[in-house]
């Protein structure tokens, strides 16, 4: 860094698909480039800590391999042969091909496809507004969160848990189905603080000896998809050995006596035969949980990646209900705070334009959809044209052979809006250069904590890069897609969303840096009853 450069420290939020949504302090050099990126010490969850990847973000945002201008494919799909074109040429061609697909087939033959390459609400979810207004095929999110959310909501009645900062005052932190040493370092910040200041223990439950497991005091390695059996074996011991808080269960839970009766046959021996965890380890884990009132269950997404994933989440969530850990500071469970935000995203996503008769295509079945599977296509016609933002399905979607086969179709038109030449971009007919988070305005929430924040535009994008919103605006004009959201700037969309959601306005939120929406202790611990009661 030029030691004489003017350095401004600006605040922002990490946009990546990590529950931490870290509060950031960013060096802006001469108003044109990015220097060091640090976690903000002012925000109590990030607490000055940021992962190594984001700390080096200047290398990414200023990388010479970034896409800088629109391109059209000139060789076979996947060959990487492209020629530079103008933005007008690119958007005109995309609009023409979308209109052609609609004329020759129907509007549902166009499928806007996206996911969580950014977690900003404007840049992530705005593509839905185009789909809704044009009656294109809608998008069903199944790759990541839905199964886990269902399992947690079955237990608590809503997707919200104990203040995650309470890990720091826990006496036993159970990290289940997530590897935060590598994927959410802030969990370890609070868990290790409890260990240092209180002598707390850390338990890890996962399917292999990952880096979090290596830092744990109690290590449970089980077979994939068997967490529910392990949880049942643990609860069997809790009831058998007098660790169950029956008074708490009678007051706060449904059917505790039926649960106890059911678990009588779910012995550690029964569980061990299924999950592969030795009987002695099941017994020891149960004792640790039963003897420690302040046990904090930090539940992740990983162990829900199976057909019975929701049931596994629910089973694990039942353990602190059996022990009554929810009553104590540093006790209870946390998975995600989705229910805290109450964001009204109607203007961002065009909820007023939704036609529920339009088919809903499952993102996880993209391979089957693009290769003509009738069931995956909801019994309707083929997908003939796509716009892809915020995701790289050639690398992350299931059934990779089918995904590649589908994208290789010569009769499929694909436009990909990306920052780098990804595997999916290489299969595209049109490639568009995208901005990064410091180059546009957006609104964020922290799934792993309780803060909302604005990530402001800090520098201009390089070359001809445009934001997701700008691309959608350009296509909307060409496709005659009329909606107020297409006429608004990102800042106006953020302001309207905050206002409709009861969160004030963008100026106030920017002045505050972030807003802590964690409810009081009694509400967070469901001491007036769980949400479905």
Protein backbone atom coordinates (compact mmCIF):
# COMPACT_ATOMS: atom_id res chain seq x y z
CA UNK A 1 0.00 0.00 0.00
CA UNK A 2 1.21 3.50 -0.80
CA UNK A 3 2.07 4.92 2.63
CA UNK A 4 1.15 8.40 1.42
CA UNK A 5 -2.27 7.41 0.08
CA UNK A 6 -5.31 8.96 1.72
CA UNK A 7 -7.00 6.24 3.78
CA UNK A 8 -10.62 6.40 4.90
CA UNK A 9 -12.07 3.72 7.18
CA UNK A 10 -15.57 2.85 6.01
CA UNK A 11 -18.07 0.44 7.50
CA UNK A 12 -19.77 -2.37 5.62
CA UNK A 13 -21.06 -5.93 5.95
CA UNK A 14 -19.70 -9.15 4.51
CA UNK A 15 -22.11 -10.39 1.79
CA UNK A 16 -21.14 -14.04 1.70
CA UNK A 17 -23.36 -17.01 2.53
CA UNK A 18 -22.06 -17.35 6.08
CA UNK A 19 -24.34 -16.78 9.07
CA UNK A 20 -21.90 -14.30 10.60
CA UNK A 21 -22.55 -11.46 8.10
CA UNK A 22 -19.52 -9.84 9.71
CA UNK A 23 -19.42 -6.13 10.43
CA UNK A 24 -16.39 -4.79 8.58
CA UNK A 25 -14.01 -1.86 8.81
CA UNK A 26 -12.60 -1.30 5.31
CA UNK A 27 -9.69 0.84 4.19
CA UNK A 28 -10.65 2.90 1.15
CA UNK A 29 -7.55 4.29 -0.57
CA UNK A 30 -7.89 7.62 -2.35
CA UNK A 31 -11.58 6.83 -2.85
CA UNK A 32 -10.68 4.38 -5.62
CA UNK A 33 -9.38 1.10 -4.22
CA UNK A 34 -9.55 -1.17 -1.20
CA UNK A 35 -6.83 -1.81 1.33
CA UNK A 36 -7.10 -3.94 4.46
CA UNK A 37 -10.39 -5.37 5.68
CA UNK A 38 -10.91 -5.96 9.40
CA UNK A 39 -13.75 -7.16 11.58
CA UNK A 40 -15.38 -4.32 13.46
CA UNK A 41 -14.63 -4.27 17.18
CA UNK A 42 -17.71 -2.15 17.79
CA UNK A 43 -20.19 -4.86 16.84
CA UNK A 44 -20.54 -7.31 19.70
CA UNK A 45 -21.00 -10.48 17.65
CA UNK A 46 -18.26 -9.93 15.06
CA UNK A 47 -16.15 -8.61 17.96
CA UNK A 48 -13.21 -7.59 15.77
CA UNK A 49 -12.79 -11.02 14.18
CA UNK A 50 -13.06 -11.75 10.46
CA UNK A 51 -12.11 -14.82 8.44
CA UNK A 52 -8.88 -14.97 6.45
CA UNK A 53 -10.75 -14.98 3.13
CA UNK A 54 -12.49 -11.67 3.72
CA UNK A 55 -9.45 -10.11 5.38
CA UNK A 56 -7.72 -10.49 1.99
CA UNK A 57 -10.66 -9.18 -0.03
CA UNK A 58 -8.57 -6.53 -1.74
CA UNK A 59 -6.90 -9.36 -3.65
CA UNK A 60 -10.30 -10.49 -4.94
CA UNK A 61 -11.85 -7.16 -5.77
CA UNK A 62 -8.72 -5.98 -7.62
CA UNK A 63 -7.89 -9.35 -9.20
CA UNK A 64 -6.74 -9.18 -12.83
CA UNK A 65 -8.96 -12.14 -13.80
CA UNK A 66 -12.22 -10.34 -13.04
CA UNK A 67 -14.71 -10.16 -15.88
CA UNK A 68 -14.68 -6.60 -17.20
CA UNK A 69 -17.05 -6.46 -20.18
CA UNK A 70 -19.95 -8.40 -21.75
CA UNK A 71 -19.11 -11.30 -24.05
CA UNK A 72 -20.85 -13.56 -26.56
CA UNK A 73 -19.93 -17.21 -27.06
CA UNK A 74 -18.09 -17.86 -30.35
CA UNK A 75 -17.16 -21.54 -29.98
CA UNK A 76 -18.76 -24.74 -28.68
CA UNK A 77 -20.39 -24.60 -25.27
CA UNK A 78 -17.78 -25.05 -22.58
CA UNK A 79 -14.90 -24.13 -24.89
CA UNK A 80 -14.28 -20.79 -23.20
CA UNK A 81 -14.33 -19.03 -26.59
CA UNK A 82 -15.96 -15.61 -26.29
CA UNK A 83 -15.84 -12.24 -28.03
CA UNK A 84 -16.37 -8.84 -26.47
CA UNK A 85 -19.67 -7.08 -27.17
CA UNK A 86 -21.39 -3.96 -25.87
CA UNK A 87 -23.90 -3.90 -23.03
CA UNK A 88 -26.68 -2.93 -25.42
CA UNK A 89 -25.86 -5.87 -27.68
CA UNK A 90 -25.81 -8.23 -24.70
CA UNK A 91 -29.07 -7.07 -23.14
CA UNK A 92 -30.82 -6.88 -26.51
CA UNK A 93 -29.86 -10.46 -27.29
CA UNK A 94 -30.96 -11.74 -23.88
CA UNK A 95 -34.30 -9.98 -24.21
CA UNK A 96 -34.77 -11.24 -27.78
CA UNK A 97 -34.08 -14.83 -26.74
CA UNK A 98 -36.40 -14.60 -23.74
CA UNK A 99 -39.16 -13.21 -25.96
CA UNK A 100 -38.52 -15.91 -28.56
CA UNK A 101 -38.82 -18.64 -25.92
CA UNK A 102 -42.05 -17.10 -24.67
CA UNK A 103 -43.51 -16.88 -28.20
CA UNK A 104 -42.54 -20.39 -29.25
CA UNK A 105 -43.30 -22.13 -25.97
CA UNK A 106 -44.63 -20.06 -23.06
CA UNK A 107 -43.41 -17.64 -20.40
CA UNK A 108 -42.59 -20.59 -18.12
CA UNK A 109 -39.91 -21.71 -20.58
CA UNK A 110 -37.75 -18.90 -19.14
CA UNK A 111 -36.22 -19.69 -15.74
CA UNK A 112 -34.32 -17.00 -13.81
CA UNK A 113 -31.92 -18.91 -11.54
CA UNK A 114 -29.99 -17.56 -8.57
CA UNK A 115 -28.85 -18.25 -5.06
CA UNK A 116 -26.64 -16.94 -2.28
CA UNK A 117 -23.50 -15.63 -3.97
CA UNK A 118 -24.50 -12.46 -2.18
CA UNK A 119 -26.79 -12.36 0.83
CA UNK A 120 -27.76 -8.74 0.17
CA UNK A 121 -31.52 -8.56 -0.27
CA UNK A 122 -31.54 -6.20 -3.25
CA UNK A 123 -28.86 -7.94 -5.31
CA UNK A 124 -29.84 -11.49 -4.33
CA UNK A 125 -33.63 -11.40 -4.49
CA UNK A 126 -34.41 -8.77 -7.12
CA UNK A 127 -34.32 -11.41 -9.87
CA UNK A 128 -37.59 -12.73 -8.45
CA UNK A 129 -39.27 -9.46 -9.36
CA UNK A 130 -38.48 -10.07 -13.03
CA UNK A 131 -39.76 -13.65 -12.81
CA UNK A 132 -42.98 -12.60 -11.10
CA UNK A 133 -43.79 -9.71 -13.42
CA UNK A 134 -43.09 -11.75 -16.58
CA UNK A 135 -44.72 -14.97 -15.26
CA UNK A 136 -41.49 -16.86 -15.82
CA UNK A 137 -40.95 -20.12 -13.95
CA UNK A 138 -40.54 -19.42 -10.26
CA UNK A 139 -37.64 -20.62 -8.13
CA UNK A 140 -37.89 -23.00 -5.17
CA UNK A 141 -34.89 -22.77 -2.82
CA UNK A 142 -33.93 -26.24 -1.60
CA UNK A 143 -30.13 -26.50 -1.62
CA UNK A 144 -29.41 -24.97 1.77
CA UNK A 145 -31.82 -23.82 4.41
CA UNK A 146 -35.40 -25.00 4.07
CA UNK A 147 -35.04 -28.47 5.58
CA UNK A 148 -33.08 -27.15 8.56
CA UNK A 149 -35.57 -24.32 9.09
CA UNK A 150 -38.50 -26.72 9.08
CA UNK A 151 -36.84 -28.92 11.70
CA UNK A 152 -36.10 -26.01 14.02
CA UNK A 153 -39.55 -24.46 13.62
CA UNK A 154 -41.20 -27.79 14.45
CA UNK A 155 -39.56 -27.48 17.85
CA UNK A 156 -39.68 -23.79 18.75
CA UNK A 157 -42.51 -22.62 16.52
CA UNK A 158 -40.36 -19.99 14.85
CA UNK A 159 -36.82 -19.66 13.54
CA UNK A 160 -35.20 -17.77 16.39
CA UNK A 161 -33.12 -18.85 19.33
CA UNK A 162 -31.05 -17.76 22.27
CA UNK A 163 -28.77 -14.75 21.80
CA UNK A 164 -25.68 -16.36 20.21
CA UNK A 165 -23.42 -14.14 22.30
CA UNK A 166 -24.58 -16.23 25.28
CA UNK A 167 -22.15 -18.90 24.13
CA UNK A 168 -19.61 -16.77 25.94
CA UNK A 169 -21.32 -17.39 29.30
CA UNK A 170 -22.10 -21.06 28.73
CA UNK A 171 -20.50 -23.96 30.62
CA UNK A 172 -20.86 -26.41 27.72
CA UNK A 173 -21.09 -25.38 24.07
CA UNK A 174 -22.34 -28.18 21.81
CA UNK A 175 -21.42 -27.48 18.19
CA UNK A 176 -23.53 -29.87 16.14
CA UNK A 177 -23.46 -30.32 12.38
CA UNK A 178 -21.28 -27.32 11.58
CA UNK A 179 -17.54 -26.70 11.30
CA UNK A 180 -17.12 -23.09 12.44
CA UNK A 181 -13.33 -23.17 12.66
CA UNK A 182 -13.41 -23.20 8.86
CA UNK A 183 -16.84 -21.78 8.02
CA UNK A 184 -17.99 -19.41 10.79
CA UNK A 185 -15.07 -18.37 12.92
CA UNK A 186 -17.16 -16.07 15.15
CA UNK A 187 -18.83 -19.07 16.78
CA UNK A 188 -15.41 -20.10 18.02
CA UNK A 189 -14.70 -16.57 19.28
CA UNK A 190 -17.56 -16.83 21.76
CA UNK A 191 -17.15 -20.54 22.55
CA UNK A 192 -13.45 -20.22 23.31
CA UNK A 193 -14.11 -17.13 25.43
CA UNK A 194 -16.39 -19.27 27.60
CA UNK A 195 -13.64 -21.87 27.85
CA UNK A 196 -11.03 -19.27 28.80
CA UNK A 197 -13.14 -17.26 31.24
CA UNK A 198 -15.39 -19.96 32.73
CA UNK A 199 -13.61 -23.22 32.10
CA UNK A 200 -16.41 -24.24 29.75
CA UNK A 201 -16.11 -27.34 27.62
CA UNK A 202 -16.73 -27.54 23.89
CA UNK A 203 -18.42 -30.58 22.36
CA UNK A 204 -18.48 -31.28 18.63
CA UNK A 205 -20.91 -33.62 16.89
CA UNK A 206 -20.13 -34.32 13.25
CA UNK A 207 -19.35 -37.05 10.75
CA UNK A 208 -15.56 -36.64 10.56
CA UNK A 209 -12.61 -35.32 12.50
CA UNK A 210 -12.72 -31.76 11.19
CA UNK A 211 -10.86 -28.74 12.53
CA UNK A 212 -13.63 -27.88 14.99
CA UNK A 213 -13.57 -31.44 16.31
CA UNK A 214 -9.83 -31.09 16.90
CA UNK A 215 -10.47 -28.16 19.25
CA UNK A 216 -13.29 -29.88 21.13
CA UNK A 217 -13.13 -31.45 24.59
CA UNK A 218 -15.91 -33.91 23.75
CA UNK A 219 -15.80 -35.45 20.28
CA UNK A 220 -18.72 -37.35 18.76
CA UNK A 221 -18.15 -38.76 15.28
CA UNK A 222 -21.20 -40.51 13.88
CA UNK A 223 -22.38 -41.98 10.60
CA UNK A 224 -23.95 -39.54 8.13
CA UNK A 225 -27.70 -39.20 8.51
CA UNK A 226 -27.89 -40.82 11.96
CA UNK A 227 -27.95 -37.76 14.23
CA UNK A 228 -31.56 -38.45 15.17
CA UNK A 229 -30.70 -41.90 16.48
CA UNK A 230 -27.81 -40.45 18.49
CA UNK A 231 -30.11 -37.77 19.95
CA UNK A 232 -32.67 -40.41 20.93
CA UNK A 233 -30.00 -42.46 22.68
CA UNK A 234 -28.86 -39.37 24.58
CA UNK A 235 -32.40 -38.50 25.66
CA UNK A 236 -32.97 -42.11 26.78
CA UNK A 237 -30.09 -41.67 29.23
CA UNK A 238 -31.36 -38.26 30.36
CA UNK A 239 -34.73 -39.76 31.32
CA UNK A 240 -33.26 -42.97 32.72
CA UNK A 241 -30.68 -41.30 34.96
CA UNK A 242 -32.79 -38.46 36.32
CA UNK A 243 -31.41 -35.59 34.25
CA UNK A 244 -34.76 -34.77 32.63
CA UNK A 245 -36.44 -31.65 34.00
CA UNK A 246 -40.00 -32.95 34.10
CA UNK A 247 -41.39 -29.80 35.68
CA UNK A 248 -40.02 -27.72 32.83
CA UNK A 249 -41.32 -30.13 30.22
CA UNK A 250 -44.82 -30.24 31.69
CA UNK A 251 -44.96 -26.45 31.56
CA UNK A 252 -43.33 -25.76 28.21
CA UNK A 253 -43.38 -28.81 25.93
CA UNK A 254 -45.88 -31.00 24.12
CA UNK A 255 -46.39 -34.65 25.05
CA UNK A 256 -43.34 -35.13 27.31
CA UNK A 257 -44.73 -38.37 28.74
CA UNK A 258 -45.27 -39.77 25.27
CA UNK A 259 -41.69 -38.84 24.40
CA UNK A 260 -40.36 -40.59 27.49
CA UNK A 261 -42.37 -43.71 26.69
CA UNK A 262 -41.11 -43.68 23.10
CA UNK A 263 -37.49 -43.34 24.21
CA UNK A 264 -37.60 -46.32 26.57
CA UNK A 265 -36.68 -48.57 23.65
CA UNK A 266 -34.13 -46.11 22.20
CA UNK A 267 -31.27 -47.22 24.42
CA UNK A 268 -27.62 -46.29 23.87
CA UNK A 269 -27.13 -49.82 22.52
CA UNK A 270 -29.93 -49.29 20.01
CA UNK A 271 -28.52 -45.88 19.01
CA UNK A 272 -24.95 -47.16 18.77
CA UNK A 273 -25.93 -49.86 16.29
CA UNK A 274 -27.33 -47.15 14.01
CA UNK A 275 -25.00 -44.17 14.46
CA UNK A 276 -21.74 -46.00 15.16
CA UNK A 277 -20.93 -44.03 18.31
CA UNK A 278 -19.78 -46.35 21.11
CA UNK A 279 -22.25 -46.82 23.95
CA UNK A 280 -19.81 -45.31 26.45
CA UNK A 281 -19.51 -42.11 24.41
CA UNK A 282 -23.28 -41.76 24.17
CA UNK A 283 -23.56 -42.20 27.94
CA UNK A 284 -20.75 -39.71 28.62
CA UNK A 285 -22.22 -37.08 26.29
CA UNK A 286 -25.62 -37.45 27.95
CA UNK A 287 -24.08 -37.05 31.41
CA UNK A 288 -22.18 -33.94 30.33
CA UNK A 289 -25.36 -32.36 28.98
CA UNK A 290 -27.47 -33.50 31.91
CA UNK A 291 -25.07 -32.25 34.57
CA UNK A 292 -24.50 -28.85 32.91
CA UNK A 293 -27.46 -26.52 33.15
CA UNK A 294 -25.81 -23.87 30.99
CA UNK A 295 -25.51 -26.04 27.87
CA UNK A 296 -25.71 -24.09 24.62
CA UNK A 297 -26.58 -26.07 21.48
CA UNK A 298 -25.18 -24.33 18.39
CA UNK A 299 -26.93 -26.27 15.63
CA UNK A 300 -25.77 -26.06 12.02
CA UNK A 301 -27.03 -26.86 8.55
CA UNK A 302 -24.69 -29.76 7.83
CA UNK A 303 -26.53 -32.53 9.62
CA UNK A 304 -29.80 -31.71 7.87
CA UNK A 305 -28.41 -32.60 4.43
CA UNK A 306 -30.36 -35.83 4.16
CA UNK A 307 -33.86 -37.08 3.48
CA UNK A 308 -34.62 -37.03 7.21
CA UNK A 309 -32.80 -33.75 7.84
CA UNK A 310 -35.73 -31.90 9.41
CA UNK A 311 -36.36 -34.77 11.82
CA UNK A 312 -32.68 -34.79 12.79
CA UNK A 313 -32.73 -31.07 13.57
CA UNK A 314 -35.88 -31.54 15.64
CA UNK A 315 -34.38 -34.48 17.54
CA UNK A 316 -31.24 -32.53 18.47
CA UNK A 317 -33.36 -29.53 19.45
CA UNK A 318 -35.37 -31.69 21.85
CA UNK A 319 -32.33 -32.36 24.06
CA UNK A 320 -32.19 -28.89 25.73
CA UNK A 321 -35.97 -29.08 26.16
CA UNK A 322 -35.60 -32.37 28.04
CA UNK A 323 -32.92 -30.92 30.34
CA UNK A 324 -34.62 -27.52 30.69
CA UNK A 325 -31.46 -25.75 29.52
CA UNK A 326 -33.58 -23.00 27.96
CA UNK A 327 -34.21 -21.58 31.44
CA UNK A 328 -30.62 -20.51 32.00
CA UNK A 329 -28.37 -17.83 30.61
CA UNK A 330 -25.89 -19.59 28.36
CA UNK A 331 -28.33 -22.46 27.87
CA UNK A 332 -30.80 -23.40 25.16
CA UNK A 333 -30.27 -23.57 21.43
CA UNK A 334 -29.56 -21.47 18.37
CA UNK A 335 -29.70 -22.24 14.67
CA UNK A 336 -30.72 -19.05 12.88
CA UNK A 337 -32.54 -15.82 13.71
CA UNK A 338 -34.58 -15.59 10.51
CA UNK A 339 -37.81 -14.76 12.38
CA UNK A 340 -36.37 -11.57 13.90
CA UNK A 341 -36.11 -9.48 10.75
CA UNK A 342 -39.74 -9.23 9.61
CA UNK A 343 -38.52 -7.82 6.31
CA UNK A 344 -41.26 -6.86 3.90
CA UNK A 345 -39.52 -7.59 0.60
CA UNK A 346 -42.54 -6.93 -1.61
CA UNK A 347 -40.92 -4.05 -3.49
CA UNK A 348 -37.65 -5.97 -3.95
CA UNK A 349 -39.22 -9.24 -5.09
CA UNK A 350 -42.44 -8.01 -6.66
CA UNK A 351 -44.73 -9.99 -4.40
CA UNK A 352 -47.74 -8.13 -5.76
CA UNK A 353 -47.06 -9.67 -9.18
CA UNK A 354 -46.85 -13.32 -8.09
CA UNK A 355 -49.08 -15.70 -10.03
CA UNK A 356 -49.27 -18.88 -7.98
CA UNK A 357 -50.38 -20.87 -11.01
CA UNK A 358 -46.91 -20.35 -12.48
CA UNK A 359 -44.81 -23.43 -11.89
CA UNK A 360 -42.26 -23.57 -9.09
CA UNK A 361 -39.04 -25.31 -10.16
CA UNK A 362 -36.75 -26.93 -7.59
CA UNK A 363 -33.23 -25.49 -7.78
CA UNK A 364 -31.70 -28.79 -6.61
CA UNK A 365 -33.24 -30.58 -9.59
CA UNK A 366 -31.69 -28.31 -12.21
CA UNK A 367 -29.95 -31.28 -13.85
CA UNK A 368 -33.21 -33.16 -14.26
CA UNK A 369 -35.05 -30.02 -15.32
CA UNK A 370 -32.55 -29.16 -18.05
CA UNK A 371 -32.51 -32.74 -19.34
CA UNK A 372 -36.28 -32.90 -19.68
CA UNK A 373 -37.44 -34.88 -16.66
CA UNK A 374 -41.22 -34.50 -16.74
CA UNK A 375 -41.72 -34.73 -12.99
CA UNK A 376 -39.01 -32.13 -12.30
CA UNK A 377 -40.65 -29.89 -14.92
CA UNK A 378 -43.98 -30.19 -13.06
CA UNK A 379 -45.44 -31.99 -16.08
CA UNK A 380 -45.06 -28.91 -18.27
CA UNK A 381 -42.78 -27.82 -21.11
CA UNK A 382 -38.99 -27.50 -21.26
CA UNK A 383 -36.79 -24.68 -20.00
CA UNK A 384 -35.42 -22.87 -23.06
CA UNK A 385 -33.76 -19.75 -21.63
CA UNK A 386 -32.08 -18.79 -18.36
CA UNK A 387 -30.54 -15.82 -16.57
CA UNK A 388 -28.17 -16.89 -13.79
CA UNK A 389 -26.98 -14.60 -10.99
CA UNK A 390 -25.22 -15.26 -7.68
CA UNK A 391 -24.52 -18.95 -8.18
CA UNK A 392 -22.41 -21.49 -10.05
CA UNK A 393 -24.66 -24.54 -10.51
CA UNK A 394 -22.12 -26.35 -12.66
CA UNK A 395 -20.01 -26.62 -9.49
CA UNK A 396 -22.53 -26.76 -6.64
CA UNK A 397 -25.79 -28.33 -7.85
CA UNK A 398 -26.52 -32.03 -7.30
CA UNK A 399 -26.31 -34.63 -10.08
CA UNK A 400 -23.40 -32.94 -11.83
CA UNK A 401 -23.46 -35.17 -14.90
CA UNK A 402 -27.06 -34.18 -15.61
CA UNK A 403 -26.28 -30.51 -14.93
CA UNK A 404 -23.46 -30.55 -17.48
CA UNK A 405 -25.60 -32.42 -20.00
CA UNK A 406 -28.37 -29.87 -19.55
CA UNK A 407 -26.18 -26.80 -19.98
CA UNK A 408 -24.59 -28.37 -23.07
CA UNK A 409 -27.93 -28.31 -24.90
CA UNK A 410 -27.66 -26.25 -28.06
CA UNK A 411 -31.33 -25.30 -27.78
CA UNK A 412 -30.85 -23.80 -24.30
CA UNK A 413 -29.98 -20.10 -24.17
CA UNK A 414 -28.06 -19.15 -21.04
CA UNK A 415 -26.94 -15.73 -19.82
CA UNK A 416 -24.62 -15.71 -16.80
CA UNK A 417 -23.87 -12.61 -14.73
CA UNK A 418 -20.62 -13.24 -12.87
CA UNK A 419 -17.47 -11.78 -11.35
CA UNK A 420 -15.10 -14.43 -12.76
CA UNK A 421 -15.21 -17.02 -15.54
CA UNK A 422 -16.76 -19.85 -13.54
CA UNK A 423 -17.69 -23.31 -14.78
CA UNK A 424 -21.24 -22.12 -15.42
CA UNK A 425 -20.09 -18.97 -17.20
CA UNK A 426 -18.02 -21.12 -19.55
CA UNK A 427 -21.25 -22.84 -20.66
CA UNK A 428 -23.07 -19.55 -21.28
CA UNK A 429 -24.12 -17.91 -24.53
CA UNK A 430 -23.80 -14.45 -23.00
CA UNK A 431 -21.52 -13.56 -20.08
CA UNK A 432 -22.03 -10.31 -18.15
CA UNK A 433 -19.50 -8.74 -15.73
CA UNK A 434 -20.80 -8.25 -12.17
CA UNK A 435 -19.96 -5.89 -9.35
CA UNK A 436 -18.70 -6.96 -5.93
CA UNK A 437 -20.26 -5.89 -2.64
CA UNK A 438 -18.11 -2.80 -2.10
CA UNK A 439 -19.24 -1.53 -5.51
CA UNK A 440 -22.99 -1.32 -4.85
CA UNK A 441 -25.48 -0.62 -2.05
CA UNK A 442 -27.33 -3.43 -0.30
CA UNK A 443 -29.18 -4.50 2.85
CA UNK A 444 -28.05 -7.40 5.03
CA UNK A 445 -29.11 -9.47 8.01
CA UNK A 446 -27.00 -11.85 10.07
CA UNK A 447 -28.55 -15.30 10.13
CA UNK A 448 -26.05 -16.30 12.80
CA UNK A 449 -26.74 -13.31 15.03
CA UNK A 450 -29.31 -10.55 15.40
CA UNK A 451 -28.09 -7.50 13.50
CA UNK A 452 -29.29 -5.81 10.33
CA UNK A 453 -27.07 -3.40 8.42
CA UNK A 454 -26.49 -1.53 5.19
CA UNK A 455 -23.50 -2.27 3.00
CA UNK A 456 -22.88 0.99 1.12
CA UNK A 457 -21.13 1.46 -2.19
CA UNK A 458 -17.53 2.40 -1.35
CA UNK A 459 -15.77 2.48 -4.72
CA UNK A 460 -16.70 2.45 -8.40
CA UNK A 461 -16.60 -0.92 -10.17
CA UNK A 462 -13.82 -1.63 -12.65
CA UNK A 463 -14.28 -1.83 -16.40
CA UNK A 464 -17.90 -2.20 -17.45
CA UNK A 465 -19.12 -4.19 -14.43
CA UNK A 466 -22.77 -3.67 -13.52
CA UNK A 467 -24.76 -4.70 -10.48
CA UNK A 468 -27.50 -7.31 -10.52
CA UNK A 469 -30.07 -4.56 -10.12
CA UNK A 470 -28.76 -2.63 -13.12
CA UNK A 471 -28.95 -5.75 -15.28
CA UNK A 472 -32.52 -6.40 -14.18
CA UNK A 473 -33.45 -2.79 -14.90
CA UNK A 474 -31.97 -3.04 -18.39
CA UNK A 475 -33.80 -6.26 -19.15
CA UNK A 476 -37.07 -4.97 -17.70
CA UNK A 477 -37.04 -2.02 -20.10
CA UNK A 478 -36.48 -4.33 -23.07
CA UNK A 479 -39.02 -6.93 -21.92
CA UNK A 480 -41.73 -4.40 -21.02
CA UNK A 481 -41.67 -5.66 -17.43
CA UNK A 482 -43.39 -2.88 -15.51
CA UNK A 483 -43.00 -2.61 -11.75
CA UNK A 484 -42.05 0.27 -9.40
CA UNK A 485 -39.05 -1.71 -8.18
CA UNK A 486 -37.40 -1.44 -11.59
CA UNK A 487 -37.61 2.36 -11.42
CA UNK A 488 -35.90 2.65 -8.04
CA UNK A 489 -32.22 2.79 -7.12
CA UNK A 490 -30.79 0.23 -4.69
CA UNK A 491 -30.78 2.87 -1.96
CA UNK A 492 -34.43 3.65 -2.62
CA UNK A 493 -35.29 -0.06 -2.49
CA UNK A 494 -33.43 -0.41 0.81
CA UNK A 495 -35.16 2.64 2.27
CA UNK A 496 -38.61 1.44 1.19
CA UNK A 497 -37.97 -2.05 2.56
CA UNK A 498 -36.80 -0.73 5.93
CA UNK A 499 -39.79 1.58 6.14
CA UNK A 500 -42.32 -1.13 5.24
CA UNK A 501 -40.68 -3.47 7.75
CA UNK A 502 -40.80 -1.05 10.67
CA UNK A 503 -37.03 -0.52 10.75
CA UNK A 504 -36.91 3.21 10.05
CA UNK A 505 -34.94 4.47 7.07
CA UNK A 506 -31.59 3.97 5.41
CA UNK A 507 -30.03 7.16 6.79
CA UNK A 508 -30.74 6.17 10.39
CA UNK A 509 -29.48 2.62 9.91
CA UNK A 510 -26.29 3.87 8.26
CA UNK A 511 -25.74 6.31 11.10
CA UNK A 512 -26.22 3.50 13.64
CA UNK A 513 -23.94 1.18 11.57
CA UNK A 514 -26.19 -1.77 12.46
CA UNK A 515 -29.23 -2.51 14.55
CA UNK A 516 -29.44 -5.20 17.25
CA UNK A 517 -32.86 -6.88 17.09
CA UNK A 518 -32.30 -9.55 19.72
CA UNK A 519 -35.38 -9.76 21.99
CA UNK A 520 -35.06 -9.70 25.77
CA UNK A 521 -33.90 -12.74 27.73
CA UNK A 522 -37.37 -14.00 28.54
CA UNK A 523 -38.53 -13.84 24.93
CA UNK A 524 -35.31 -15.32 23.52
CA UNK A 525 -35.52 -18.25 25.93
CA UNK A 526 -39.24 -18.80 25.30
CA UNK A 527 -40.04 -18.47 29.00
CA UNK A 528 -43.56 -17.34 28.14
CA UNK A 529 -44.01 -20.41 25.96
CA UNK A 530 -42.72 -21.58 22.62
CA UNK A 531 -44.14 -19.85 19.59
CA UNK A 532 -46.54 -22.59 18.53
CA UNK A 533 -48.11 -22.93 22.00
